[in-house]
Amino acid sequence: MAEVGARKDPFLVFRFKVKLNQITVAEFSECSGLQLETEVHDYNEGGVNDHVHKFPTRTKQTNIVLKRGIVDRELWNWYRDLYFNGKVQPRDGTITVFDPAGEKVVMECQFSKAFPCKWHGPELNATQNNVAVEMLELAHQGLNWIK
């Protein structure tokens, strides 16, 4: 149990891991798109002029965007199966955030039925010695924070 008045620092975001179907695919350098938004329906009631009634409707999620240095063809092959062969292979996954020591899980999010919808290859430039980075965007059917 935490002490009363104990300091609570925000979670740091530089230690995280992404798994697809419980298999660690890669260590990603960036993960974004963890966002949900609920649409709001405005209802103007006749005779009520001091406010508008607001009702929640549908909740939608943005796509998850993952970036990493290219180390193999696994992510490319997953996307390739979709666009060359029409094979949609949805995968469930988790995004886990660890403490600064990398030992304790401080936050974990599940996403379901994800499939690749966009892939970007590296920007190649012979005058630089940057890491070749790929980006994979995943459409999915929901986020659930489990820790």
N, C-alpha and C. Protein backbone atom coordinates (compact mmCIF):
# COMPACT_ATOMS: atom_id res chain seq x y z
N MET A 1 0.83 -1.17 0.00
CA MET A 1 0.00 0.00 0.00
C MET A 1 0.88 1.24 0.00
N ALA A 2 0.54 2.20 -0.83
CA ALA A 2 1.35 3.42 -0.95
C ALA A 2 1.15 4.30 0.27
N GLU A 3 2.21 4.97 0.65
CA GLU A 3 2.13 5.89 1.78
C GLU A 3 1.30 7.09 1.38
N VAL A 4 0.62 7.65 2.37
CA VAL A 4 -0.14 8.87 2.13
C VAL A 4 0.84 9.98 1.80
N GLY A 5 0.57 10.69 0.73
CA GLY A 5 1.44 11.78 0.33
C GLY A 5 2.68 11.31 -0.42
N ALA A 6 2.79 10.01 -0.69
CA ALA A 6 3.94 9.51 -1.42
C ALA A 6 3.93 10.08 -2.83
N ARG A 7 5.08 10.39 -3.33
CA ARG A 7 5.23 10.98 -4.66
C ARG A 7 4.90 9.96 -5.74
N LYS A 8 4.09 10.36 -6.72
CA LYS A 8 3.76 9.49 -7.85
C LYS A 8 4.24 10.17 -9.13
N ASP A 9 5.31 9.63 -9.69
CA ASP A 9 5.85 10.18 -10.93
C ASP A 9 5.10 9.57 -12.11
N PRO A 10 4.96 10.33 -13.19
CA PRO A 10 4.33 9.77 -14.39
C PRO A 10 5.18 8.64 -14.98
N PHE A 11 4.52 7.74 -15.70
CA PHE A 11 5.24 6.64 -16.35
C PHE A 11 6.13 7.19 -17.45
N LEU A 12 7.31 6.61 -17.57
CA LEU A 12 8.22 6.96 -18.66
C LEU A 12 7.89 6.07 -19.85
N VAL A 13 8.10 6.57 -21.05
CA VAL A 13 7.64 5.84 -22.24
C VAL A 13 8.77 5.26 -23.09
N PHE A 14 9.98 5.22 -22.58
CA PHE A 14 11.07 4.72 -23.40
C PHE A 14 11.30 3.23 -23.27
N ARG A 15 10.63 2.57 -22.33
CA ARG A 15 10.76 1.11 -22.18
C ARG A 15 9.40 0.47 -22.42
N PHE A 16 9.25 -0.11 -23.60
CA PHE A 16 7.99 -0.77 -23.93
C PHE A 16 8.26 -1.93 -24.87
N LYS A 17 7.28 -2.81 -24.96
CA LYS A 17 7.39 -3.99 -25.81
C LYS A 17 6.04 -4.20 -26.48
N VAL A 18 6.06 -4.63 -27.74
CA VAL A 18 4.84 -4.93 -28.48
C VAL A 18 4.86 -6.42 -28.82
N LYS A 19 3.75 -7.09 -28.53
CA LYS A 19 3.59 -8.51 -28.90
C LYS A 19 2.40 -8.65 -29.82
N LEU A 20 2.49 -9.55 -30.77
CA LEU A 20 1.39 -9.91 -31.65
C LEU A 20 1.13 -11.39 -31.48
N ASN A 21 -0.10 -11.74 -31.08
CA ASN A 21 -0.45 -13.14 -30.79
C ASN A 21 0.52 -13.76 -29.80
N GLN A 22 0.84 -13.00 -28.76
CA GLN A 22 1.70 -13.46 -27.67
C GLN A 22 3.12 -13.80 -28.10
N ILE A 23 3.55 -13.33 -29.26
CA ILE A 23 4.92 -13.54 -29.71
C ILE A 23 5.55 -12.17 -29.88
N THR A 24 6.68 -11.91 -29.21
CA THR A 24 7.35 -10.63 -29.37
C THR A 24 7.88 -10.55 -30.79
N VAL A 25 7.37 -9.60 -31.55
CA VAL A 25 7.79 -9.46 -32.94
C VAL A 25 9.09 -8.70 -33.02
N ALA A 26 9.18 -7.62 -32.31
CA ALA A 26 10.39 -6.81 -32.38
C ALA A 26 10.38 -5.78 -31.28
N GLU A 27 11.51 -5.23 -31.05
CA GLU A 27 11.60 -4.08 -30.17
C GLU A 27 11.40 -2.87 -31.07
N PHE A 28 10.33 -2.16 -30.83
CA PHE A 28 10.02 -0.99 -31.65
C PHE A 28 10.59 0.25 -30.99
N SER A 29 10.98 1.20 -31.83
CA SER A 29 11.50 2.46 -31.29
C SER A 29 10.38 3.46 -31.04
N GLU A 30 9.24 3.29 -31.73
CA GLU A 30 8.10 4.18 -31.53
C GLU A 30 6.80 3.41 -31.65
N CYS A 31 5.83 3.83 -30.87
CA CYS A 31 4.47 3.29 -30.94
C CYS A 31 3.52 4.45 -30.68
N SER A 32 2.62 4.72 -31.62
CA SER A 32 1.67 5.80 -31.44
C SER A 32 0.29 5.34 -31.90
N GLY A 33 -0.70 6.18 -31.71
CA GLY A 33 -2.05 5.86 -32.13
C GLY A 33 -2.90 5.21 -31.05
N LEU A 34 -2.44 5.23 -29.82
CA LEU A 34 -3.22 4.66 -28.73
C LEU A 34 -4.26 5.71 -28.31
N GLN A 35 -5.33 5.73 -29.07
CA GLN A 35 -6.32 6.79 -28.89
C GLN A 35 -7.72 6.27 -29.13
N LEU A 36 -8.63 6.63 -28.26
CA LEU A 36 -10.05 6.36 -28.43
C LEU A 36 -10.79 7.70 -28.39
N GLU A 37 -11.85 7.79 -29.16
CA GLU A 37 -12.64 9.03 -29.17
C GLU A 37 -14.11 8.67 -29.30
N THR A 38 -14.92 9.21 -28.41
CA THR A 38 -16.36 8.97 -28.45
C THR A 38 -17.04 10.15 -29.13
N GLU A 39 -17.80 9.84 -30.17
CA GLU A 39 -18.55 10.88 -30.86
C GLU A 39 -19.69 11.35 -29.97
N VAL A 40 -20.05 12.61 -30.11
CA VAL A 40 -21.10 13.20 -29.29
C VAL A 40 -22.22 13.70 -30.19
N HIS A 41 -23.45 13.36 -29.83
CA HIS A 41 -24.64 13.83 -30.56
C HIS A 41 -25.24 15.01 -29.81
N ASP A 42 -25.36 16.13 -30.49
CA ASP A 42 -26.00 17.31 -29.91
C ASP A 42 -27.49 17.26 -30.18
N TYR A 43 -28.27 17.55 -29.14
CA TYR A 43 -29.72 17.58 -29.28
C TYR A 43 -30.22 18.93 -28.78
N ASN A 44 -30.81 19.70 -29.70
CA ASN A 44 -31.37 21.01 -29.35
C ASN A 44 -32.83 20.83 -28.98
N GLU A 45 -33.11 20.95 -27.69
CA GLU A 45 -34.47 20.80 -27.22
C GLU A 45 -35.21 22.13 -27.40
N GLY A 46 -36.40 22.06 -28.00
CA GLY A 46 -37.20 23.27 -28.22
C GLY A 46 -37.52 23.96 -26.91
N GLY A 47 -37.32 25.26 -26.87
CA GLY A 47 -37.61 26.04 -25.68
C GLY A 47 -36.46 26.09 -24.68
N VAL A 48 -35.46 25.27 -24.85
CA VAL A 48 -34.29 25.30 -23.96
C VAL A 48 -33.19 26.04 -24.71
N ASN A 49 -32.92 27.26 -24.28
CA ASN A 49 -31.98 28.10 -25.01
C ASN A 49 -30.66 28.32 -24.28
N ASP A 50 -30.54 27.81 -23.06
CA ASP A 50 -29.31 28.06 -22.31
C ASP A 50 -28.26 26.96 -22.46
N HIS A 51 -28.62 25.83 -23.08
CA HIS A 51 -27.64 24.77 -23.31
C HIS A 51 -28.15 23.79 -24.38
N VAL A 52 -27.24 22.99 -24.86
CA VAL A 52 -27.55 21.93 -25.81
C VAL A 52 -27.31 20.60 -25.09
N HIS A 53 -28.25 19.68 -25.20
CA HIS A 53 -28.05 18.35 -24.61
C HIS A 53 -27.00 17.61 -25.43
N LYS A 54 -26.13 16.89 -24.74
CA LYS A 54 -25.06 16.14 -25.41
C LYS A 54 -25.15 14.67 -24.97
N PHE A 55 -25.11 13.77 -25.98
CA PHE A 55 -25.23 12.34 -25.71
C PHE A 55 -24.07 11.60 -26.37
N PRO A 56 -23.45 10.66 -25.64
CA PRO A 56 -22.38 9.86 -26.26
C PRO A 56 -22.98 8.89 -27.28
N THR A 57 -22.28 8.70 -28.39
CA THR A 57 -22.72 7.74 -29.40
C THR A 57 -21.63 6.69 -29.59
N ARG A 58 -21.03 6.64 -30.72
CA ARG A 58 -20.07 5.60 -31.08
C ARG A 58 -18.65 5.99 -30.66
N THR A 59 -17.90 5.01 -30.19
CA THR A 59 -16.49 5.22 -29.87
C THR A 59 -15.66 4.60 -30.98
N LYS A 60 -14.70 5.37 -31.46
CA LYS A 60 -13.83 4.87 -32.52
C LYS A 60 -12.38 4.96 -32.06
N GLN A 61 -11.53 4.18 -32.68
CA GLN A 61 -10.12 4.17 -32.34
C GLN A 61 -9.29 4.52 -33.55
N THR A 62 -8.13 5.10 -33.30
CA THR A 62 -7.21 5.39 -34.39
C THR A 62 -6.33 4.16 -34.63
N ASN A 63 -5.64 4.15 -35.74
CA ASN A 63 -4.73 3.06 -36.05
C ASN A 63 -3.48 3.16 -35.18
N ILE A 64 -2.89 2.01 -34.88
CA ILE A 64 -1.64 1.95 -34.13
C ILE A 64 -0.50 2.02 -35.14
N VAL A 65 0.47 2.88 -34.87
CA VAL A 65 1.62 3.05 -35.76
C VAL A 65 2.87 2.59 -35.02
N LEU A 66 3.58 1.65 -35.62
CA LEU A 66 4.80 1.08 -35.04
C LEU A 66 5.99 1.40 -35.94
N LYS A 67 7.11 1.80 -35.33
CA LYS A 67 8.34 2.07 -36.09
C LYS A 67 9.48 1.31 -35.46
N ARG A 68 10.34 0.79 -36.32
CA ARG A 68 11.52 0.07 -35.83
C ARG A 68 12.59 0.06 -36.91
N GLY A 69 13.81 -0.17 -36.47
CA GLY A 69 14.88 -0.42 -37.42
C GLY A 69 14.65 -1.78 -38.06
N ILE A 70 14.85 -1.88 -39.36
CA ILE A 70 14.59 -3.14 -40.07
C ILE A 70 15.61 -4.18 -39.64
N VAL A 71 15.10 -5.31 -39.15
CA VAL A 71 15.97 -6.41 -38.72
C VAL A 71 15.62 -7.72 -39.44
N ASP A 72 14.42 -7.80 -40.01
CA ASP A 72 14.00 -8.99 -40.74
C ASP A 72 12.81 -8.60 -41.61
N ARG A 73 12.20 -9.59 -42.28
CA ARG A 73 11.08 -9.32 -43.19
C ARG A 73 9.73 -9.72 -42.61
N GLU A 74 9.66 -10.04 -41.33
CA GLU A 74 8.43 -10.59 -40.75
C GLU A 74 7.24 -9.63 -40.90
N LEU A 75 7.41 -8.36 -40.58
CA LEU A 75 6.30 -7.41 -40.70
C LEU A 75 5.94 -7.16 -42.16
N TRP A 76 6.97 -7.05 -43.00
CA TRP A 76 6.72 -6.89 -44.43
C TRP A 76 5.95 -8.08 -44.98
N ASN A 77 6.30 -9.28 -44.61
CA ASN A 77 5.61 -10.47 -45.11
C ASN A 77 4.15 -10.51 -44.68
N TRP A 78 3.86 -10.04 -43.47
CA TRP A 78 2.48 -9.99 -42.98
C TRP A 78 1.66 -9.05 -43.87
N TYR A 79 2.22 -7.89 -44.17
CA TYR A 79 1.50 -6.94 -45.03
C TYR A 79 1.43 -7.46 -46.47
N ARG A 80 2.50 -8.09 -46.93
CA ARG A 80 2.55 -8.62 -48.29
C ARG A 80 1.44 -9.65 -48.53
N ASP A 81 1.19 -10.52 -47.54
CA ASP A 81 0.11 -11.50 -47.66
C ASP A 81 -1.23 -10.84 -47.88
N LEU A 82 -1.42 -9.68 -47.28
CA LEU A 82 -2.68 -8.96 -47.43
C LEU A 82 -2.81 -8.37 -48.84
N TYR A 83 -1.79 -7.65 -49.29
CA TYR A 83 -1.98 -6.96 -50.56
C TYR A 83 -1.69 -7.81 -51.79
N PHE A 84 -0.83 -8.82 -51.70
CA PHE A 84 -0.60 -9.69 -52.86
C PHE A 84 -1.62 -10.82 -52.94
N ASN A 85 -1.92 -11.41 -51.79
CA ASN A 85 -2.74 -12.63 -51.78
C ASN A 85 -4.15 -12.42 -51.24
N GLY A 86 -4.45 -11.23 -50.73
CA GLY A 86 -5.77 -10.97 -50.15
C GLY A 86 -6.02 -11.71 -48.85
N LYS A 87 -4.97 -12.19 -48.20
CA LYS A 87 -5.11 -12.92 -46.94
C LYS A 87 -5.05 -11.96 -45.76
N VAL A 88 -6.18 -11.78 -45.10
CA VAL A 88 -6.20 -10.96 -43.90
C VAL A 88 -5.92 -11.90 -42.73
N GLN A 89 -4.84 -11.65 -42.04
CA GLN A 89 -4.47 -12.48 -40.89
C GLN A 89 -4.47 -11.61 -39.64
N PRO A 90 -5.66 -11.34 -39.08
CA PRO A 90 -5.72 -10.49 -37.89
C PRO A 90 -5.00 -11.13 -36.72
N ARG A 91 -4.36 -10.27 -35.94
CA ARG A 91 -3.64 -10.74 -34.75
C ARG A 91 -4.03 -9.87 -33.56
N ASP A 92 -4.19 -10.51 -32.43
CA ASP A 92 -4.36 -9.78 -31.18
C ASP A 92 -2.97 -9.43 -30.67
N GLY A 93 -2.90 -8.41 -29.84
CA GLY A 93 -1.58 -8.03 -29.33
C GLY A 93 -1.66 -7.24 -28.05
N THR A 94 -0.48 -6.98 -27.51
CA THR A 94 -0.36 -6.17 -26.30
C THR A 94 0.78 -5.18 -26.47
N ILE A 95 0.63 -4.06 -25.79
CA ILE A 95 1.69 -3.06 -25.67
C ILE A 95 1.94 -2.92 -24.18
N THR A 96 3.17 -3.21 -23.77
CA THR A 96 3.51 -3.22 -22.35
C THR A 96 4.55 -2.14 -22.09
N VAL A 97 4.31 -1.33 -21.05
CA VAL A 97 5.25 -0.29 -20.63
C VAL A 97 5.87 -0.74 -19.31
N PHE A 98 7.21 -0.64 -19.24
CA PHE A 98 7.94 -1.08 -18.05
C PHE A 98 8.48 0.10 -17.25
N ASP A 99 8.87 -0.16 -16.01
CA ASP A 99 9.51 0.86 -15.19
C ASP A 99 10.88 1.19 -15.79
N PRO A 100 11.55 2.25 -15.31
CA PRO A 100 12.85 2.64 -15.90
C PRO A 100 13.90 1.54 -15.88
N ALA A 101 13.81 0.62 -14.92
CA ALA A 101 14.78 -0.48 -14.86
C ALA A 101 14.45 -1.58 -15.86
N GLY A 102 13.24 -1.53 -16.44
CA GLY A 102 12.82 -2.55 -17.40
C GLY A 102 12.38 -3.84 -16.76
N GLU A 103 12.05 -3.81 -15.47
CA GLU A 103 11.72 -5.04 -14.74
C GLU A 103 10.24 -5.19 -14.42
N LYS A 104 9.58 -4.11 -14.05
CA LYS A 104 8.21 -4.17 -13.56
C LYS A 104 7.26 -3.58 -14.61
N VAL A 105 6.16 -4.29 -14.87
CA VAL A 105 5.14 -3.79 -15.79
C VAL A 105 4.34 -2.70 -15.07
N VAL A 106 4.29 -1.51 -15.67
CA VAL A 106 3.54 -0.41 -15.06
C VAL A 106 2.25 -0.11 -15.81
N MET A 107 2.15 -0.58 -17.05
CA MET A 107 0.96 -0.32 -17.85
C MET A 107 0.93 -1.34 -18.99
N GLU A 108 -0.28 -1.85 -19.28
CA GLU A 108 -0.39 -2.80 -20.39
C GLU A 108 -1.72 -2.59 -21.09
N CYS A 109 -1.67 -2.59 -22.40
CA CYS A 109 -2.83 -2.36 -23.24
C CYS A 109 -2.97 -3.53 -24.22
N GLN A 110 -4.19 -4.02 -24.39
CA GLN A 110 -4.46 -5.06 -25.39
C GLN A 110 -5.17 -4.43 -26.58
N PHE A 111 -4.85 -4.91 -27.77
CA PHE A 111 -5.62 -4.54 -28.96
C PHE A 111 -6.05 -5.83 -29.64
N SER A 112 -7.17 -5.78 -30.36
CA SER A 112 -7.72 -7.01 -30.91
C SER A 112 -7.93 -6.91 -32.41
N LYS A 113 -7.79 -8.07 -33.05
CA LYS A 113 -8.05 -8.25 -34.48
C LYS A 113 -7.35 -7.20 -35.34
N ALA A 114 -6.07 -7.01 -35.07
CA ALA A 114 -5.29 -6.02 -35.83
C ALA A 114 -4.78 -6.64 -37.14
N PHE A 115 -4.72 -5.80 -38.16
CA PHE A 115 -4.12 -6.21 -39.43
C PHE A 115 -3.40 -5.01 -40.02
N PRO A 116 -2.35 -5.25 -40.80
CA PRO A 116 -1.59 -4.14 -41.36
C PRO A 116 -2.38 -3.44 -42.46
N CYS A 117 -2.39 -2.13 -42.42
CA CYS A 117 -3.08 -1.36 -43.46
C CYS A 117 -2.15 -0.38 -44.16
N LYS A 118 -0.93 -0.23 -43.66
CA LYS A 118 0.04 0.65 -44.32
C LYS A 118 1.44 0.22 -43.89
N TRP A 119 2.36 0.23 -44.85
CA TRP A 119 3.76 -0.06 -44.57
C TRP A 119 4.60 0.99 -45.27
N HIS A 120 5.58 1.56 -44.56
CA HIS A 120 6.55 2.50 -45.15
C HIS A 120 7.92 1.88 -45.01
N GLY A 121 8.64 1.86 -46.09
CA GLY A 121 10.02 1.40 -46.04
C GLY A 121 10.94 2.53 -45.63
N PRO A 122 12.22 2.25 -45.56
CA PRO A 122 13.18 3.26 -45.11
C PRO A 122 13.40 4.34 -46.16
N GLU A 123 13.80 5.52 -45.68
CA GLU A 123 14.25 6.57 -46.58
C GLU A 123 15.74 6.35 -46.80
N LEU A 124 16.12 6.13 -48.03
CA LEU A 124 17.51 5.79 -48.34
C LEU A 124 18.25 7.03 -48.80
N ASN A 125 19.41 7.26 -48.21
CA ASN A 125 20.20 8.44 -48.53
C ASN A 125 21.66 8.07 -48.35
N ALA A 126 22.41 8.04 -49.43
CA ALA A 126 23.80 7.61 -49.40
C ALA A 126 24.71 8.59 -48.66
N THR A 127 24.24 9.81 -48.39
CA THR A 127 25.08 10.79 -47.69
C THR A 127 24.91 10.72 -46.18
N GLN A 128 24.06 9.81 -45.69
CA GLN A 128 23.84 9.69 -44.25
C GLN A 128 24.07 8.24 -43.81
N ASN A 129 24.29 8.05 -42.53
CA ASN A 129 24.44 6.69 -42.02
C ASN A 129 23.39 6.39 -40.96
N ASN A 130 22.13 6.77 -41.24
CA ASN A 130 21.02 6.52 -40.33
C ASN A 130 20.59 5.06 -40.39
N VAL A 131 19.86 4.64 -39.36
CA VAL A 131 19.28 3.30 -39.33
C VAL A 131 18.14 3.23 -40.34
N ALA A 132 18.03 2.12 -41.07
CA ALA A 132 16.92 1.91 -41.99
C ALA A 132 15.68 1.58 -41.16
N VAL A 133 14.67 2.46 -41.20
CA VAL A 133 13.49 2.33 -40.36
C VAL A 133 12.27 1.98 -41.19
N GLU A 134 11.49 1.02 -40.71
CA GLU A 134 10.21 0.71 -41.34
C GLU A 134 9.09 1.13 -40.41
N MET A 135 7.94 1.45 -41.01
CA MET A 135 6.76 1.83 -40.25
C MET A 135 5.62 0.92 -40.67
N LEU A 136 4.90 0.40 -39.70
CA LEU A 136 3.75 -0.45 -39.96
C LEU A 136 2.56 0.14 -39.23
N GLU A 137 1.47 0.36 -39.96
CA GLU A 137 0.25 0.88 -39.37
C GLU A 137 -0.76 -0.24 -39.27
N LEU A 138 -1.37 -0.38 -38.09
CA LEU A 138 -2.31 -1.47 -37.84
C LEU A 138 -3.71 -0.92 -37.59
N ALA A 139 -4.68 -1.40 -38.37
CA ALA A 139 -6.08 -1.16 -38.05
C ALA A 139 -6.47 -2.23 -37.04
N HIS A 140 -7.36 -1.90 -36.12
CA HIS A 140 -7.73 -2.88 -35.10
C HIS A 140 -9.16 -2.63 -34.67
N GLN A 141 -9.67 -3.52 -33.84
CA GLN A 141 -11.06 -3.42 -33.42
C GLN A 141 -11.21 -3.13 -31.94
N GLY A 142 -10.26 -2.48 -31.34
CA GLY A 142 -10.46 -2.04 -29.97
C GLY A 142 -9.23 -2.11 -29.12
N LEU A 143 -9.19 -1.19 -28.14
CA LEU A 143 -8.12 -1.12 -27.14
C LEU A 143 -8.74 -1.41 -25.78
N ASN A 144 -7.96 -2.06 -24.93
CA ASN A 144 -8.41 -2.32 -23.57
C ASN A 144 -7.19 -2.25 -22.66
N TRP A 145 -7.19 -1.27 -21.75
CA TRP A 145 -6.11 -1.16 -20.78
C TRP A 145 -6.35 -2.21 -19.69
N ILE A 146 -5.41 -3.14 -19.55
CA ILE A 146 -5.58 -4.22 -18.58
C ILE A 146 -4.76 -4.01 -17.32
N LYS A 147 -3.83 -3.10 -17.35
CA LYS A 147 -3.04 -2.77 -16.15
C LYS A 147 -2.70 -1.31 -16.17
